[in-house]
Protein backbone atom coordinates (compact mmCIF):
# COMPACT_ATOMS: atom_id res chain seq x y z
CA MET A 1 135.64 71.60 173.15
CA THR A 2 136.35 75.24 173.14
CA LEU A 3 139.44 76.91 173.09
CA VAL A 4 139.16 78.07 176.31
CA GLY A 5 138.39 74.29 177.86
CA LYS A 6 141.56 73.34 175.89
CA ILE A 7 143.44 76.39 177.85
CA LEU A 8 142.01 75.37 181.39
CA THR A 9 142.96 71.46 180.35
CA VAL A 10 146.48 72.53 179.97
CA LEU A 11 146.93 74.98 183.06
CA ILE A 12 145.52 72.00 184.80
CA LEU A 13 148.05 69.54 183.41
CA ILE A 14 150.51 72.15 183.81
CA MET A 15 149.92 72.30 187.69
CA SER A 16 149.11 68.77 188.32
CA ILE A 17 152.79 68.08 186.57
CA SER A 18 154.09 71.00 189.13
CA PHE A 19 152.39 69.44 192.20
CA MET A 20 154.09 66.35 190.94
CA MET A 21 157.18 67.71 190.94
CA ILE A 22 156.96 69.20 194.03
CA ALA A 23 155.67 66.09 195.63
CA VAL A 24 158.70 64.03 194.04
CA THR A 25 160.90 66.85 195.23
CA VAL A 26 159.87 65.92 198.87
CA PHE A 27 159.75 62.39 198.57
CA ALA A 28 163.46 62.87 197.49
CA ALA A 29 164.85 64.88 199.87
CA HIS A 30 162.78 63.29 203.11
CA ARG A 31 162.06 66.54 204.16
CA ASN A 32 158.82 67.43 206.37
CA TRP A 33 155.56 68.00 204.86
CA HIS A 34 155.21 70.98 207.05
CA ASP A 35 158.35 72.22 206.51
CA LEU A 36 158.24 72.02 203.33
CA ALA A 37 154.93 73.61 203.22
CA MET A 38 155.93 76.63 205.12
CA LYS A 39 158.67 76.93 203.05
CA HIS A 40 156.90 77.11 199.88
CA LYS A 41 153.86 78.75 201.74
CA ASP A 42 154.25 81.43 199.60
CA ARG A 43 154.45 79.84 196.41
CA ILE A 44 151.34 77.64 197.47
CA GLU A 45 149.47 80.88 198.42
CA GLU A 46 150.57 81.83 194.90
CA LEU A 47 149.73 78.84 192.89
CA SER A 48 146.29 79.07 194.84
CA GLN A 49 145.40 82.64 193.92
CA THR A 50 146.67 81.50 190.35
CA ASN A 51 144.38 78.44 190.97
CA VAL A 52 141.51 80.54 192.16
CA ARG A 53 141.87 82.96 189.08
CA LEU A 54 142.07 80.09 187.01
CA ARG A 55 138.89 78.72 188.33
CA ALA A 56 137.07 82.11 187.69
CA GLU A 57 138.73 82.54 184.14
CA GLN A 58 137.43 78.76 183.72
CA GLN A 59 133.81 79.73 185.22
CA ARG A 60 133.96 82.44 182.78
CA ALA A 61 134.81 80.65 180.06
CA ASP A 62 131.92 77.97 180.70
CA ASP A 63 129.48 80.69 181.11
CA ARG A 64 130.77 81.69 177.81
CA LEU A 65 130.59 78.52 176.49
CA ALA A 66 127.44 78.31 177.72
CA ILE A 67 126.17 81.22 176.14
CA GLU A 68 127.54 80.22 173.07
CA GLN A 69 126.10 76.35 173.20
CA ALA A 70 122.91 78.32 173.57
CA ALA A 71 123.48 80.40 170.82
CA ARG A 72 124.72 77.52 168.65
CA ARG A 73 121.68 75.49 169.55
CA PHE A 74 119.26 78.54 168.55
CA ALA A 75 121.32 78.99 165.21
CA LEU A 76 121.24 75.30 164.97
CA ALA A 77 117.36 75.29 165.74
CA ALA A 78 116.90 78.21 163.46
CA LEU A 79 118.95 76.54 160.72
CA GLN A 80 117.17 73.20 161.42
CA SER A 81 113.94 75.00 160.97
CA ARG A 82 115.29 76.69 157.73
CA LEU A 83 116.08 73.25 156.64
CA GLU A 84 112.68 72.08 157.47
CA GLN A 85 111.46 75.20 155.19
CA LEU A 86 114.30 74.15 152.46
CA ASP A 87 112.96 70.62 152.34
CA SER A 88 109.05 72.00 152.06
CA GLN A 89 110.24 74.10 149.41
CA LEU A 90 112.30 71.43 148.06
CA SER A 91 109.15 69.08 147.63
CA GLN A 92 107.30 71.86 146.40
CA ARG A 93 109.90 72.54 143.84
CA GLU A 94 109.73 68.44 143.02
CA GLN A 95 106.06 68.51 142.59
CA GLN A 96 106.29 71.20 140.57
CA LEU A 97 108.99 69.78 138.63
CA THR A 98 106.93 66.51 138.23
CA SER A 99 104.11 68.90 136.79
CA LEU A 100 106.19 70.62 134.95
CA GLN A 101 107.40 67.66 133.55
CA GLY A 102 104.04 66.34 132.97
CA ARG A 103 102.89 69.63 131.23
CA PHE A 104 106.36 69.53 129.22
CA ASP A 105 105.46 66.04 127.98
CA THR A 106 102.05 67.24 126.84
CA ASP A 107 103.39 70.27 125.41
CA THR A 108 106.06 67.77 123.70
CA GLU A 109 103.16 65.80 121.80
CA THR A 110 101.30 68.75 121.38
CA LEU A 111 103.99 70.60 119.47
CA ASN A 112 104.44 67.23 117.47
CA GLN A 113 101.06 67.32 116.48
CA ASN A 114 101.32 70.78 115.39
CA THR A 115 104.11 69.96 113.56
CA MET A 116 102.92 67.14 111.72
CA ASN A 117 99.64 69.55 111.21
CA LEU A 118 102.27 72.13 110.11
CA THR A 119 103.96 69.58 107.72
CA ASN A 120 100.42 69.20 106.22
CA LEU A 121 99.78 72.66 105.88
CA THR A 122 102.94 73.03 104.37
CA ASN A 123 102.21 70.80 101.63
CA GLU A 124 98.53 71.78 101.15
CA VAL A 125 100.00 75.50 100.66
CA GLN A 126 102.54 74.54 98.01
CA GLY A 127 99.89 72.50 96.57
CA LEU A 128 97.14 75.80 96.60
CA ARG A 129 100.31 77.81 95.47
CA ASP A 130 100.74 75.47 92.47
CA GLU A 131 96.94 75.51 91.80
CA ILE A 132 97.61 79.18 92.14
CA ARG A 133 100.38 79.47 89.75
CA VAL A 134 98.28 77.17 87.10
CA ALA A 135 95.19 79.38 87.63
CA GLN A 136 97.51 82.63 87.22
CA LEU A 137 99.17 80.99 83.94
CA ASP A 138 95.19 80.18 82.35
CA ARG A 139 94.47 83.88 83.47
CA ASP A 140 96.98 85.13 81.99
CA VAL A 141 96.54 83.03 78.71
CA LYS A 142 93.00 84.09 78.93
CA PHE A 143 93.78 87.73 79.64
CA THR A 144 95.67 87.41 76.28
CA THR A 145 93.12 85.71 74.53
CA VAL A 146 90.61 88.48 76.07
CA VAL A 147 92.85 91.37 74.67
CA ALA A 148 93.14 90.01 71.29
CA LEU A 149 89.44 89.39 71.20
CA THR A 150 89.25 92.87 72.37
CA ASP A 151 91.50 93.91 69.82
CA SER A 152 89.32 92.22 67.42
CA ILE A 153 86.26 93.49 68.15
CA SER A 154 87.59 96.84 68.14
CA GLY A 155 88.90 96.00 64.94
CA LEU A 156 85.51 94.61 64.05
CA GLN A 157 83.69 97.43 65.54
CA GLY A 158 85.69 99.83 63.10
CA SER A 159 84.89 97.68 59.92
CA LEU A 160 81.43 97.61 61.06
CA LEU A 161 81.42 101.36 61.26
CA THR A 162 83.20 101.85 58.00
CA PHE A 163 80.64 99.47 56.71
CA ARG A 164 77.86 101.03 57.86
CA GLU A 165 79.33 104.30 56.23
CA GLN A 166 79.74 102.26 53.41
CA GLU A 167 76.13 100.86 53.08
CA VAL A 168 74.96 104.62 53.71
CA ALA A 169 77.36 105.56 50.62
CA LEU A 170 76.10 102.78 48.16
CA ARG A 171 72.53 103.36 49.43
CA GLU A 172 73.08 106.76 48.27
CA ARG A 173 74.85 105.76 45.13
CA VAL A 174 72.00 103.17 44.38
CA SER A 175 69.40 105.86 44.75
CA ARG A 176 71.15 108.16 42.10
CA MET A 177 71.97 105.09 39.92
CA LYS A 178 68.03 104.21 40.19
CA LEU A 179 67.12 107.70 39.39
CA VAL A 180 69.64 107.64 36.20
CA MET A 181 68.22 104.28 35.37
CA ASP A 182 64.54 105.60 35.56
CA ALA A 183 65.27 108.39 33.92
CA HIS A 184 66.98 106.11 30.70
CA GLU A 185 64.18 103.24 31.00
CA LEU A 186 66.10 100.64 32.62
CA THR A 187 66.01 98.10 34.93
CA GLU A 188 67.84 95.69 36.80
CA PHE A 189 67.15 93.01 33.92
CA THR A 190 68.19 95.41 31.12
CA PRO A 191 71.22 93.32 29.63
CA VAL A 192 74.22 95.81 29.63
CA VAL A 193 77.12 93.63 28.13
CA ASP A 194 76.43 95.11 24.54
CA ILE A 195 76.13 98.64 25.32
CA PRO A 196 79.39 100.15 24.91
CA PRO A 197 81.17 102.61 27.63
CA ARG A 198 81.18 106.15 26.99
CA VAL A 199 84.63 106.13 25.62
CA ASP A 200 86.79 107.75 22.73
CA GLY A 201 89.88 107.90 21.20
CA ILE A 202 91.50 108.01 17.46
CA VAL A 203 92.13 105.54 14.48
CA THR A 204 95.72 104.28 14.80
CA LYS A 205 95.99 102.42 11.32
CA VAL A 206 93.66 101.92 8.22
CA GLY A 207 93.84 98.38 6.15
CA GLU A 208 93.35 98.09 2.57
CA LYS A 209 89.69 96.53 3.19
CA VAL A 210 87.44 97.57 5.73
CA LEU A 211 89.47 97.09 8.98
CA VAL A 212 90.53 99.73 11.11
CA GLU A 213 92.77 99.91 14.44
CA VAL A 214 91.73 102.04 17.59
CA SER A 215 93.67 103.51 20.45
CA ILE A 216 91.15 102.30 23.04
CA GLY A 217 90.87 98.76 24.23
CA SER A 218 89.90 96.39 26.69
CA ASP A 219 91.11 98.29 29.54
CA ASP A 220 88.72 100.98 28.34
CA GLY A 221 85.69 98.69 28.78
CA LEU A 222 84.87 97.98 25.33
CA ARG A 223 83.77 94.37 24.29
CA LYS A 224 83.45 92.39 21.11
CA GLY A 225 80.58 93.69 19.03
CA HIS A 226 80.67 97.22 20.81
CA THR A 227 79.77 99.58 17.90
CA LEU A 228 81.91 102.76 17.80
CA GLU A 229 81.01 106.02 15.46
CA VAL A 230 83.65 107.55 13.42
CA PHE A 231 84.43 111.25 12.55
CA ARG A 232 86.55 114.00 11.60
CA ASN A 233 85.88 117.69 12.87
CA GLN A 234 82.41 117.74 12.52
CA SER A 235 81.86 115.61 9.68
CA TYR A 236 80.48 111.99 10.04
CA LEU A 237 82.52 109.53 8.14
CA GLY A 238 80.69 106.29 9.52
CA ARG A 239 80.28 103.18 11.83
CA VAL A 240 82.55 100.12 12.96
CA VAL A 241 82.10 97.57 15.07
CA VAL A 242 84.96 95.76 17.11
CA LYS A 243 86.24 92.22 15.83
CA THR A 244 89.39 91.57 17.97
CA LEU A 245 90.41 93.45 21.36
CA ALA A 246 93.77 94.29 23.36
CA PRO A 247 94.24 96.03 26.58
CA ASP A 248 95.12 98.99 24.70
CA ARG A 249 93.55 98.96 21.34
CA ALA A 250 91.01 97.11 18.92
CA VAL A 251 90.46 95.93 15.27
CA CYS A 252 87.31 96.86 13.96
CA GLU A 253 85.53 96.43 10.90
CA ILE A 254 83.80 99.32 9.33
CA ILE A 255 79.88 99.02 8.78
CA PRO A 256 79.32 99.69 4.98
CA GLU A 257 75.83 100.70 5.32
CA TYR A 258 77.03 103.72 7.44
CA ARG A 259 79.90 104.63 5.78
CA LYS A 260 79.65 108.39 4.92
CA GLY A 261 83.49 109.14 4.04
CA ILE A 262 86.76 107.82 3.84
CA ILE A 263 88.22 106.82 7.13
CA LYS A 264 91.83 107.88 7.57
CA ARG A 265 94.51 107.85 10.23
CA GLY A 266 94.27 110.47 12.95
CA ASP A 267 89.85 110.42 12.61
CA ARG A 268 88.28 110.39 16.05
CA VAL A 269 86.09 107.82 17.23
CA ALA A 270 83.67 107.37 19.70
CA THR A 271 81.02 105.16 21.50
CA LYS A 272 78.32 108.21 21.22
CA LEU A 273 78.50 111.26 19.31
CA SER A 274 77.86 114.48 21.62
């Protein structure tokens, strides 16, 4: 019930109570209804006008109520349509939720599979990294070996170049030595142990018999059995043969058949006379 209807109900209740009071008053006074009506004619007319006015207001209120009820029914219909639309959207959302839940389950399974694959790939990558690390270490060792071999090859190439230069020098020296050997009618089979080197020295001591000591020894190329010529200035004094050797001196024996004079300390000795 609306506010207008409540107001009209209260007014009708008030009027009923008023009429009841009037009736009770009339009944209590035992007066004539006609006299009473005449007495209260103005009041009745006033009440009638009030009743007419109230009825008109009630009619207007009923009209407004009908309009309001129509508006409420229209709004309710609109709300019902909106509710049906929302129910349809909710059904669609539930279907979408079900589809998304299925997709979520599928994606979860795919994610788990991808996680397993990622773990396997991670392990494989770690293994490959270990292999790469081992290969790098092996490469470094081989690179160090290659560098050492390269340095060795460079050194060997330098030595080879030196050897080749020495070979050329030796070839030239052999050629010159061959010329000298040919000039002296020598071959590679000619014994040279008994041929004394070209050296000279002095007599440092003279023995009581036929022994003398000279200032040249094994460091100068002398060997036991080599012969030396003894001279003083331009005088030839004789020939001696080496008997014992020391690094810096030798003891020689005078050969009697070649003796041409008395050998003294300070005389010169040489393998060959110039």
